[in-house]
Amino acid sequence: MFELPENLPVPDLTVGAVLTGLGLIVSFLLWRWRGAASGVRGLAWSLVPLAVALLGLMSVVWAFVRGVAGVLTGLLFSPLVWAGVVLSGLAVVLYIASGVMRSRGVGTAPRSGKAKDKAAEGGEGGKAAAGRGAAAPQVGSSSGGKTAPADDLSDFGDIEELLRKRGID
């Protein structure tokens, strides 16, 4: 009748069959709870342990699982590994913080005078004002001919210019 191949130990076939049986039970439950698509996917995954056992690869799978488990337990108890985890976490936090800083303009190099002028002329505000037919007021032309004080408030001249370009007084 039917005989098992010599290289296929019975315990491997038993383990594969038991795992497939458990998977079939879970697949049935998935079918009822989540629908046919989940049940069929579970059925497909349930057949893998029996196929691995019939192919004679169960010992390879067990060696892989034991190896991964050994590496993971070695990593868990190593202070050098934890130092690496902390450093990689710090690197991720610093990278995200630098992105937030860049988006807010904090800690970036200021633009040169030419770059500011080109950005002000070619910006959306200048195009919108030109499209409406309104001429943008010139920098330094203030009402009454007053000049800005030379203290800390003199840096607001660019902001005032942008507000005037957009029609906000």
N, C-alpha and C. Protein backbone atom coordinates (compact mmCIF):
# COMPACT_ATOMS: atom_id res chain seq x y z
N MET A 1 0.81 -1.17 0.00
CA MET A 1 0.00 0.00 0.00
C MET A 1 0.86 1.25 0.00
N PHE A 2 0.57 2.22 0.88
CA PHE A 2 1.30 3.48 0.92
C PHE A 2 2.35 3.42 2.01
N GLU A 3 3.58 3.77 1.66
CA GLU A 3 4.66 3.81 2.63
C GLU A 3 5.28 5.19 2.62
N LEU A 4 5.66 5.64 3.80
CA LEU A 4 6.33 6.94 3.90
C LEU A 4 7.76 6.82 3.40
N PRO A 5 8.26 7.87 2.78
CA PRO A 5 9.67 7.85 2.36
C PRO A 5 10.58 7.74 3.58
N GLU A 6 11.76 7.20 3.35
CA GLU A 6 12.70 6.99 4.45
C GLU A 6 13.20 8.29 5.06
N ASN A 7 13.29 9.34 4.26
CA ASN A 7 13.82 10.60 4.78
C ASN A 7 12.75 11.45 5.48
N LEU A 8 11.52 10.95 5.57
CA LEU A 8 10.43 11.70 6.20
C LEU A 8 10.09 11.06 7.54
N PRO A 9 10.62 11.60 8.64
CA PRO A 9 10.30 11.03 9.94
C PRO A 9 8.84 11.28 10.29
N VAL A 10 8.25 10.34 10.98
CA VAL A 10 6.84 10.43 11.36
C VAL A 10 6.57 11.62 12.27
N PRO A 11 7.45 11.97 13.23
CA PRO A 11 7.15 13.13 14.08
C PRO A 11 7.00 14.43 13.27
N ASP A 12 7.78 14.59 12.21
CA ASP A 12 7.66 15.79 11.38
C ASP A 12 6.30 15.84 10.71
N LEU A 13 5.84 14.70 10.21
CA LEU A 13 4.53 14.64 9.57
C LEU A 13 3.43 14.90 10.59
N THR A 14 3.60 14.39 11.81
CA THR A 14 2.61 14.62 12.86
C THR A 14 2.53 16.10 13.22
N VAL A 15 3.68 16.73 13.37
CA VAL A 15 3.71 18.16 13.71
C VAL A 15 3.05 18.97 12.60
N GLY A 16 3.36 18.65 11.36
CA GLY A 16 2.75 19.35 10.23
C GLY A 16 1.24 19.15 10.19
N ALA A 17 0.78 17.93 10.45
CA ALA A 17 -0.65 17.66 10.44
C ALA A 17 -1.37 18.38 11.58
N VAL A 18 -0.76 18.41 12.75
CA VAL A 18 -1.38 19.09 13.89
C VAL A 18 -1.46 20.59 13.63
N LEU A 19 -0.40 21.17 13.12
CA LEU A 19 -0.41 22.60 12.81
C LEU A 19 -1.44 22.93 11.72
N THR A 20 -1.56 22.05 10.72
CA THR A 20 -2.56 22.25 9.68
C THR A 20 -3.97 22.15 10.25
N GLY A 21 -4.19 21.18 11.16
CA GLY A 21 -5.51 21.05 11.79
C GLY A 21 -5.89 22.29 12.58
N LEU A 22 -4.93 22.82 13.36
CA LEU A 22 -5.20 24.05 14.11
C LEU A 22 -5.48 25.22 13.17
N GLY A 23 -4.73 25.28 12.08
CA GLY A 23 -4.96 26.33 11.10
C GLY A 23 -6.32 26.23 10.44
N LEU A 24 -6.78 25.00 10.20
CA LEU A 24 -8.10 24.82 9.60
C LEU A 24 -9.21 25.28 10.54
N ILE A 25 -9.03 25.04 11.83
CA ILE A 25 -10.02 25.51 12.81
C ILE A 25 -10.07 27.03 12.81
N VAL A 26 -8.91 27.66 12.84
CA VAL A 26 -8.86 29.12 12.82
C VAL A 26 -9.43 29.66 11.51
N SER A 27 -9.17 28.97 10.39
CA SER A 27 -9.70 29.39 9.10
C SER A 27 -11.22 29.33 9.08
N PHE A 28 -11.77 28.28 9.68
CA PHE A 28 -13.23 28.17 9.75
C PHE A 28 -13.82 29.33 10.55
N LEU A 29 -13.17 29.65 11.67
CA LEU A 29 -13.65 30.77 12.48
C LEU A 29 -13.53 32.09 11.74
N LEU A 30 -12.42 32.27 11.04
CA LEU A 30 -12.25 33.48 10.24
C LEU A 30 -13.33 33.58 9.15
N TRP A 31 -13.65 32.44 8.54
CA TRP A 31 -14.67 32.41 7.49
C TRP A 31 -16.00 32.92 8.04
N ARG A 32 -16.34 32.47 9.23
CA ARG A 32 -17.62 32.86 9.82
C ARG A 32 -17.62 34.31 10.30
N TRP A 33 -16.50 34.78 10.86
CA TRP A 33 -16.46 36.12 11.44
C TRP A 33 -16.20 37.22 10.39
N ARG A 34 -15.28 36.97 9.46
CA ARG A 34 -14.86 38.02 8.54
C ARG A 34 -15.24 37.77 7.09
N GLY A 35 -15.74 36.62 6.77
CA GLY A 35 -16.17 36.36 5.41
C GLY A 35 -15.30 35.35 4.69
N ALA A 36 -15.74 35.05 3.46
CA ALA A 36 -15.10 33.99 2.68
C ALA A 36 -13.66 34.34 2.30
N ALA A 37 -13.39 35.59 1.98
CA ALA A 37 -12.03 35.96 1.55
C ALA A 37 -11.02 35.67 2.65
N SER A 38 -11.34 36.06 3.88
CA SER A 38 -10.43 35.79 5.00
C SER A 38 -10.32 34.30 5.28
N GLY A 39 -11.43 33.58 5.15
CA GLY A 39 -11.40 32.14 5.38
C GLY A 39 -10.55 31.41 4.36
N VAL A 40 -10.66 31.79 3.10
CA VAL A 40 -9.85 31.14 2.05
C VAL A 40 -8.38 31.46 2.23
N ARG A 41 -8.08 32.71 2.61
CA ARG A 41 -6.68 33.06 2.86
C ARG A 41 -6.14 32.25 4.04
N GLY A 42 -6.95 32.10 5.10
CA GLY A 42 -6.54 31.28 6.24
C GLY A 42 -6.34 29.82 5.85
N LEU A 43 -7.21 29.32 4.97
CA LEU A 43 -7.08 27.94 4.48
C LEU A 43 -5.76 27.76 3.74
N ALA A 44 -5.40 28.73 2.92
CA ALA A 44 -4.13 28.64 2.19
C ALA A 44 -2.95 28.58 3.16
N TRP A 45 -2.95 29.46 4.18
CA TRP A 45 -1.86 29.44 5.15
C TRP A 45 -1.88 28.18 6.00
N SER A 46 -3.04 27.62 6.22
CA SER A 46 -3.15 26.40 7.03
C SER A 46 -2.51 25.20 6.36
N LEU A 47 -2.50 25.18 5.05
CA LEU A 47 -1.94 24.03 4.33
C LEU A 47 -0.42 24.04 4.28
N VAL A 48 0.20 25.17 4.58
CA VAL A 48 1.66 25.29 4.47
C VAL A 48 2.40 24.33 5.41
N PRO A 49 2.04 24.17 6.70
CA PRO A 49 2.81 23.26 7.55
C PRO A 49 2.77 21.81 7.07
N LEU A 50 1.62 21.36 6.57
CA LEU A 50 1.55 19.99 6.06
C LEU A 50 2.39 19.84 4.80
N ALA A 51 2.38 20.85 3.94
CA ALA A 51 3.21 20.80 2.73
C ALA A 51 4.69 20.78 3.09
N VAL A 52 5.08 21.57 4.08
CA VAL A 52 6.48 21.59 4.51
C VAL A 52 6.88 20.22 5.06
N ALA A 53 6.00 19.60 5.82
CA ALA A 53 6.31 18.28 6.38
C ALA A 53 6.40 17.24 5.27
N LEU A 54 5.49 17.28 4.32
CA LEU A 54 5.51 16.30 3.23
C LEU A 54 6.73 16.48 2.32
N LEU A 55 7.22 17.69 2.23
CA LEU A 55 8.42 17.94 1.44
C LEU A 55 9.70 17.56 2.18
N GLY A 56 9.58 17.25 3.47
CA GLY A 56 10.74 16.88 4.26
C GLY A 56 11.55 18.07 4.72
N LEU A 57 10.93 19.23 4.80
CA LEU A 57 11.64 20.45 5.17
C LEU A 57 11.38 20.89 6.60
N MET A 58 10.67 20.08 7.37
CA MET A 58 10.33 20.48 8.73
C MET A 58 11.58 20.68 9.58
N SER A 59 12.60 19.85 9.40
CA SER A 59 13.83 20.02 10.19
C SER A 59 14.53 21.32 9.82
N VAL A 60 14.46 21.73 8.56
CA VAL A 60 15.05 22.99 8.14
C VAL A 60 14.30 24.16 8.78
N VAL A 61 12.96 24.06 8.81
CA VAL A 61 12.15 25.12 9.40
C VAL A 61 12.44 25.21 10.89
N TRP A 62 12.54 24.07 11.57
CA TRP A 62 12.83 24.09 13.01
C TRP A 62 14.21 24.67 13.28
N ALA A 63 15.20 24.33 12.43
CA ALA A 63 16.55 24.90 12.61
C ALA A 63 16.51 26.41 12.41
N PHE A 64 15.72 26.89 11.45
CA PHE A 64 15.58 28.32 11.24
C PHE A 64 14.94 29.01 12.44
N VAL A 65 13.87 28.41 12.94
CA VAL A 65 13.16 28.99 14.10
C VAL A 65 14.07 29.02 15.31
N ARG A 66 14.81 27.92 15.55
CA ARG A 66 15.74 27.90 16.69
C ARG A 66 16.84 28.94 16.52
N GLY A 67 17.34 29.10 15.30
CA GLY A 67 18.39 30.09 15.04
C GLY A 67 17.90 31.51 15.28
N VAL A 68 16.72 31.82 14.77
CA VAL A 68 16.17 33.17 14.98
C VAL A 68 15.91 33.42 16.45
N ALA A 69 15.36 32.43 17.14
CA ALA A 69 15.11 32.58 18.57
C ALA A 69 16.42 32.79 19.33
N GLY A 70 17.46 32.07 18.95
CA GLY A 70 18.76 32.24 19.60
C GLY A 70 19.34 33.63 19.37
N VAL A 71 19.22 34.12 18.15
CA VAL A 71 19.73 35.46 17.86
C VAL A 71 18.95 36.50 18.65
N LEU A 72 17.62 36.37 18.68
CA LEU A 72 16.79 37.34 19.39
C LEU A 72 17.07 37.33 20.89
N THR A 73 17.23 36.16 21.49
CA THR A 73 17.55 36.13 22.91
C THR A 73 18.94 36.68 23.17
N GLY A 74 19.87 36.45 22.26
CA GLY A 74 21.21 37.04 22.39
C GLY A 74 21.16 38.55 22.30
N LEU A 75 20.28 39.06 21.45
CA LEU A 75 20.14 40.51 21.32
C LEU A 75 19.47 41.13 22.53
N LEU A 76 18.54 40.42 23.11
CA LEU A 76 17.81 40.98 24.25
C LEU A 76 18.68 41.20 25.46
N PHE A 77 19.68 40.38 25.65
CA PHE A 77 20.50 40.43 26.85
C PHE A 77 21.86 41.06 26.62
N SER A 78 22.05 41.74 25.50
CA SER A 78 23.33 42.35 25.20
C SER A 78 23.26 43.86 25.41
N PRO A 79 24.08 44.43 26.30
CA PRO A 79 24.05 45.88 26.51
C PRO A 79 24.50 46.66 25.28
N LEU A 80 25.39 46.09 24.48
CA LEU A 80 25.82 46.78 23.27
C LEU A 80 24.66 46.91 22.28
N VAL A 81 23.85 45.88 22.18
CA VAL A 81 22.70 45.94 21.29
C VAL A 81 21.73 47.01 21.77
N TRP A 82 21.50 47.09 23.07
CA TRP A 82 20.58 48.10 23.59
C TRP A 82 21.13 49.50 23.39
N ALA A 83 22.45 49.65 23.46
CA ALA A 83 23.05 50.95 23.16
C ALA A 83 22.80 51.31 21.70
N GLY A 84 22.88 50.33 20.82
CA GLY A 84 22.58 50.57 19.41
C GLY A 84 21.13 50.94 19.18
N VAL A 85 20.22 50.29 19.91
CA VAL A 85 18.79 50.61 19.80
C VAL A 85 18.54 52.04 20.26
N VAL A 86 19.17 52.43 21.37
CA VAL A 86 19.00 53.79 21.89
C VAL A 86 19.55 54.81 20.89
N LEU A 87 20.72 54.54 20.33
CA LEU A 87 21.31 55.47 19.36
C LEU A 87 20.47 55.58 18.10
N SER A 88 19.93 54.47 17.62
CA SER A 88 19.09 54.55 16.42
C SER A 88 17.79 55.29 16.72
N GLY A 89 17.24 55.11 17.91
CA GLY A 89 16.05 55.88 18.30
C GLY A 89 16.36 57.36 18.39
N LEU A 90 17.51 57.70 18.95
CA LEU A 90 17.93 59.10 19.03
C LEU A 90 18.10 59.69 17.63
N ALA A 91 18.67 58.92 16.73
CA ALA A 91 18.85 59.39 15.35
C ALA A 91 17.51 59.68 14.70
N VAL A 92 16.52 58.83 14.91
CA VAL A 92 15.19 59.04 14.34
C VAL A 92 14.56 60.29 14.92
N VAL A 93 14.66 60.48 16.24
CA VAL A 93 14.08 61.65 16.89
C VAL A 93 14.75 62.93 16.38
N LEU A 94 16.07 62.92 16.25
CA LEU A 94 16.78 64.10 15.76
C LEU A 94 16.41 64.41 14.31
N TYR A 95 16.25 63.38 13.50
CA TYR A 95 15.87 63.59 12.09
C TYR A 95 14.50 64.22 12.00
N ILE A 96 13.55 63.73 12.79
CA ILE A 96 12.20 64.29 12.77
C ILE A 96 12.22 65.72 13.31
N ALA A 97 12.98 65.97 14.35
CA ALA A 97 13.08 67.32 14.91
C ALA A 97 13.67 68.29 13.89
N SER A 98 14.66 67.85 13.13
CA SER A 98 15.25 68.75 12.13
C SER A 98 14.25 69.05 11.02
N GLY A 99 13.40 68.10 10.67
CA GLY A 99 12.36 68.37 9.68
C GLY A 99 11.35 69.38 10.17
N VAL A 100 10.98 69.27 11.44
CA VAL A 100 10.05 70.25 12.03
C VAL A 100 10.71 71.62 12.07
N MET A 101 11.98 71.67 12.45
CA MET A 101 12.69 72.95 12.50
C MET A 101 12.77 73.59 11.12
N ARG A 102 13.06 72.80 10.09
CA ARG A 102 13.15 73.33 8.74
C ARG A 102 11.81 73.87 8.26
N SER A 103 10.73 73.14 8.58
CA SER A 103 9.42 73.58 8.12
C SER A 103 9.00 74.88 8.80
N ARG A 104 9.48 75.12 10.00
CA ARG A 104 9.15 76.36 10.72
C ARG A 104 10.18 77.45 10.50
N GLY A 105 11.26 77.15 9.79
CA GLY A 105 12.29 78.15 9.52
C GLY A 105 13.19 78.42 10.70
N VAL A 106 13.23 77.54 11.67
CA VAL A 106 14.07 77.72 12.85
C VAL A 106 15.43 77.08 12.59
N GLY A 107 16.49 77.83 12.82
CA GLY A 107 17.83 77.28 12.69
C GLY A 107 18.32 77.14 11.27
N THR A 108 17.64 77.77 10.32
CA THR A 108 18.10 77.71 8.93
C THR A 108 18.92 78.95 8.64
N ALA A 109 19.79 78.87 7.66
CA ALA A 109 20.61 80.01 7.28
C ALA A 109 19.73 81.05 6.61
N PRO A 110 19.90 82.32 6.97
CA PRO A 110 19.08 83.36 6.33
C PRO A 110 19.46 83.51 4.87
N ARG A 111 18.48 83.90 4.08
CA ARG A 111 18.72 84.10 2.65
C ARG A 111 19.52 85.37 2.44
N SER A 112 20.24 85.42 1.32
CA SER A 112 20.98 86.64 1.00
C SER A 112 20.00 87.69 0.51
N GLY A 113 20.44 88.91 0.39
CA GLY A 113 19.59 90.01 -0.04
C GLY A 113 19.01 89.78 -1.42
N LYS A 114 19.81 89.25 -2.35
CA LYS A 114 19.32 88.99 -3.71
C LYS A 114 18.24 87.93 -3.70
N ALA A 115 18.42 86.90 -2.90
CA ALA A 115 17.43 85.83 -2.86
C ALA A 115 16.11 86.34 -2.29
N LYS A 116 16.19 87.24 -1.31
CA LYS A 116 14.96 87.81 -0.75
C LYS A 116 14.23 88.64 -1.79
N ASP A 117 14.99 89.45 -2.53
CA ASP A 117 14.37 90.29 -3.55
C ASP A 117 13.73 89.46 -4.65
N LYS A 118 14.42 88.42 -5.10
CA LYS A 118 13.86 87.55 -6.15
C LYS A 118 12.63 86.82 -5.65
N ALA A 119 12.66 86.38 -4.39
CA ALA A 119 11.50 85.68 -3.83
C ALA A 119 10.32 86.63 -3.69
N ALA A 120 10.59 87.89 -3.33
CA ALA A 120 9.50 88.86 -3.18
C ALA A 120 8.92 89.23 -4.54
N GLU A 121 9.76 89.36 -5.57
CA GLU A 121 9.26 89.71 -6.90
C GLU A 121 8.56 88.56 -7.58
N GLY A 122 9.10 87.36 -7.45
CA GLY A 122 8.55 86.21 -8.15
C GLY A 122 7.55 85.43 -7.34
N GLY A 123 7.24 85.88 -6.13
CA GLY A 123 6.32 85.14 -5.27
C GLY A 123 4.89 85.25 -5.75
N GLU A 124 4.01 84.50 -5.10
CA GLU A 124 2.60 84.48 -5.47
C GLU A 124 1.93 85.82 -5.20
N GLY A 125 2.36 86.51 -4.17
CA GLY A 125 1.76 87.80 -3.84
C GLY A 125 1.99 88.81 -4.95
N GLY A 126 3.18 88.83 -5.53
CA GLY A 126 3.48 89.74 -6.62
C GLY A 126 2.67 89.42 -7.85
N LYS A 127 2.47 88.16 -8.17
CA LYS A 127 1.69 87.75 -9.32
C LYS A 127 0.22 88.09 -9.13
N ALA A 128 -0.28 87.90 -7.92
CA ALA A 128 -1.69 88.19 -7.67
C ALA A 128 -1.94 89.69 -7.76
N ALA A 129 -1.02 90.51 -7.27
CA ALA A 129 -1.20 91.94 -7.33
C ALA A 129 -1.12 92.42 -8.78
N ALA A 130 -0.21 91.85 -9.56
CA ALA A 130 -0.10 92.25 -10.96
C ALA A 130 -1.32 91.80 -11.74
N GLY A 131 -1.90 90.69 -11.38
CA GLY A 131 -3.09 90.19 -12.06
C GLY A 131 -4.29 91.07 -11.79
N ARG A 132 -4.37 91.70 -10.65
CA ARG A 132 -5.48 92.58 -10.32
C ARG A 132 -5.28 93.97 -10.91
N GLY A 133 -4.11 94.25 -11.42
CA GLY A 133 -3.84 95.55 -12.01
C GLY A 133 -3.38 96.57 -10.99
N ALA A 134 -3.13 96.18 -9.80
CA ALA A 134 -2.67 97.10 -8.77
C ALA A 134 -1.15 97.12 -8.75
N ALA A 135 -0.61 98.29 -8.67
CA ALA A 135 0.85 98.41 -8.62
C ALA A 135 1.30 98.22 -7.18
N ALA A 136 2.35 97.46 -7.01
CA ALA A 136 2.86 97.21 -5.66
C ALA A 136 3.64 98.42 -5.20
N PRO A 137 3.42 98.86 -3.97
CA PRO A 137 4.17 100.02 -3.47
C PRO A 137 5.65 99.69 -3.35
N GLN A 138 6.46 100.66 -3.51
CA GLN A 138 7.90 100.49 -3.45
C GLN A 138 8.37 100.44 -1.99
N VAL A 139 9.48 99.73 -1.79
CA VAL A 139 10.06 99.65 -0.47
C VAL A 139 10.63 101.02 -0.12
N GLY A 140 10.40 101.46 1.06
CA GLY A 140 10.94 102.74 1.51
C GLY A 140 10.00 103.90 1.25
N SER A 141 8.94 103.69 0.45
CA SER A 141 7.97 104.76 0.24
C SER A 141 6.90 104.64 1.30
N SER A 142 7.02 105.45 2.30
CA SER A 142 6.05 105.41 3.37
C SER A 142 5.27 106.71 3.38
N SER A 143 4.10 106.68 3.95
CA SER A 143 3.29 107.88 3.97
C SER A 143 3.90 108.91 4.91
N GLY A 144 3.98 110.13 4.46
CA GLY A 144 4.51 111.20 5.30
C GLY A 144 6.02 111.31 5.24
N GLY A 145 6.70 110.45 4.51
CA GLY A 145 8.14 110.54 4.36
C GLY A 145 8.91 110.20 5.61
N LYS A 146 8.30 109.47 6.54
CA LYS A 146 9.00 109.09 7.77
C LYS A 146 9.96 107.94 7.47
N THR A 147 11.03 107.87 8.17
CA THR A 147 11.96 106.76 8.03
C THR A 147 11.82 105.85 9.23
N ALA A 148 12.11 104.60 9.02
CA ALA A 148 11.98 103.62 10.10
C ALA A 148 13.09 103.83 11.11
N PRO A 149 12.82 103.63 12.40
CA PRO A 149 13.88 103.76 13.40
C PRO A 149 14.91 102.67 13.23
N ALA A 150 16.11 102.94 13.62
CA ALA A 150 17.22 102.00 13.44
C ALA A 150 17.39 101.10 14.65
N ASP A 151 16.31 100.71 15.29
CA ASP A 151 16.41 99.81 16.43
C ASP A 151 15.98 98.40 16.02
N ASP A 152 15.57 97.59 16.96
CA ASP A 152 15.20 96.21 16.68
C ASP A 152 13.96 96.09 15.80
N LEU A 153 13.14 97.11 15.73
CA LEU A 153 11.93 97.05 14.93
C LEU A 153 12.19 97.26 13.44
N SER A 154 13.42 97.56 13.05
CA SER A 154 13.73 97.78 11.65
C SER A 154 13.66 96.49 10.84
N ASP A 155 13.68 95.34 11.49
CA ASP A 155 13.59 94.06 10.78
C ASP A 155 12.19 93.79 10.27
N PHE A 156 11.20 94.54 10.73
CA PHE A 156 9.83 94.32 10.31
C PHE A 156 9.51 94.98 8.98
N GLY A 157 10.48 95.62 8.35
CA GLY A 157 10.25 96.28 7.07
C GLY A 157 9.82 95.29 6.00
N ASP A 158 10.42 94.11 5.97
CA ASP A 158 10.05 93.09 4.98
C ASP A 158 8.62 92.61 5.20
N ILE A 159 8.25 92.47 6.45
CA ILE A 159 6.90 92.02 6.76
C ILE A 159 5.89 93.08 6.35
N GLU A 160 6.21 94.33 6.65
CA GLU A 160 5.31 95.42 6.26
C GLU A 160 5.14 95.47 4.76
N GLU A 161 6.23 95.25 4.03
CA GLU A 161 6.17 95.27 2.56
C GLU A 161 5.26 94.16 2.04
N LEU A 162 5.39 92.98 2.61
CA LEU A 162 4.54 91.86 2.17
C LEU A 162 3.08 92.14 2.48
N LEU A 163 2.82 92.72 3.64
CA LEU A 163 1.43 93.04 3.98
C LEU A 163 0.86 94.09 3.04
N ARG A 164 1.66 95.11 2.67
CA ARG A 164 1.20 96.12 1.73
C ARG A 164 0.93 95.53 0.37
N LYS A 165 1.75 94.60 -0.08
CA LYS A 165 1.56 93.96 -1.39
C LYS A 165 0.25 93.21 -1.44
N ARG A 166 -0.17 92.66 -0.34
CA ARG A 166 -1.41 91.89 -0.31
C ARG A 166 -2.62 92.76 0.06
N GLY A 167 -2.39 94.05 0.19
CA GLY A 167 -3.49 94.95 0.47
C GLY A 167 -3.91 95.01 1.91
N ILE A 168 -3.06 94.58 2.81
CA ILE A 168 -3.37 94.61 4.24
C ILE A 168 -2.61 95.77 4.86
N ASP A 169 -3.31 96.69 5.46
CA ASP A 169 -2.64 97.85 6.07
C ASP A 169 -2.62 97.73 7.57
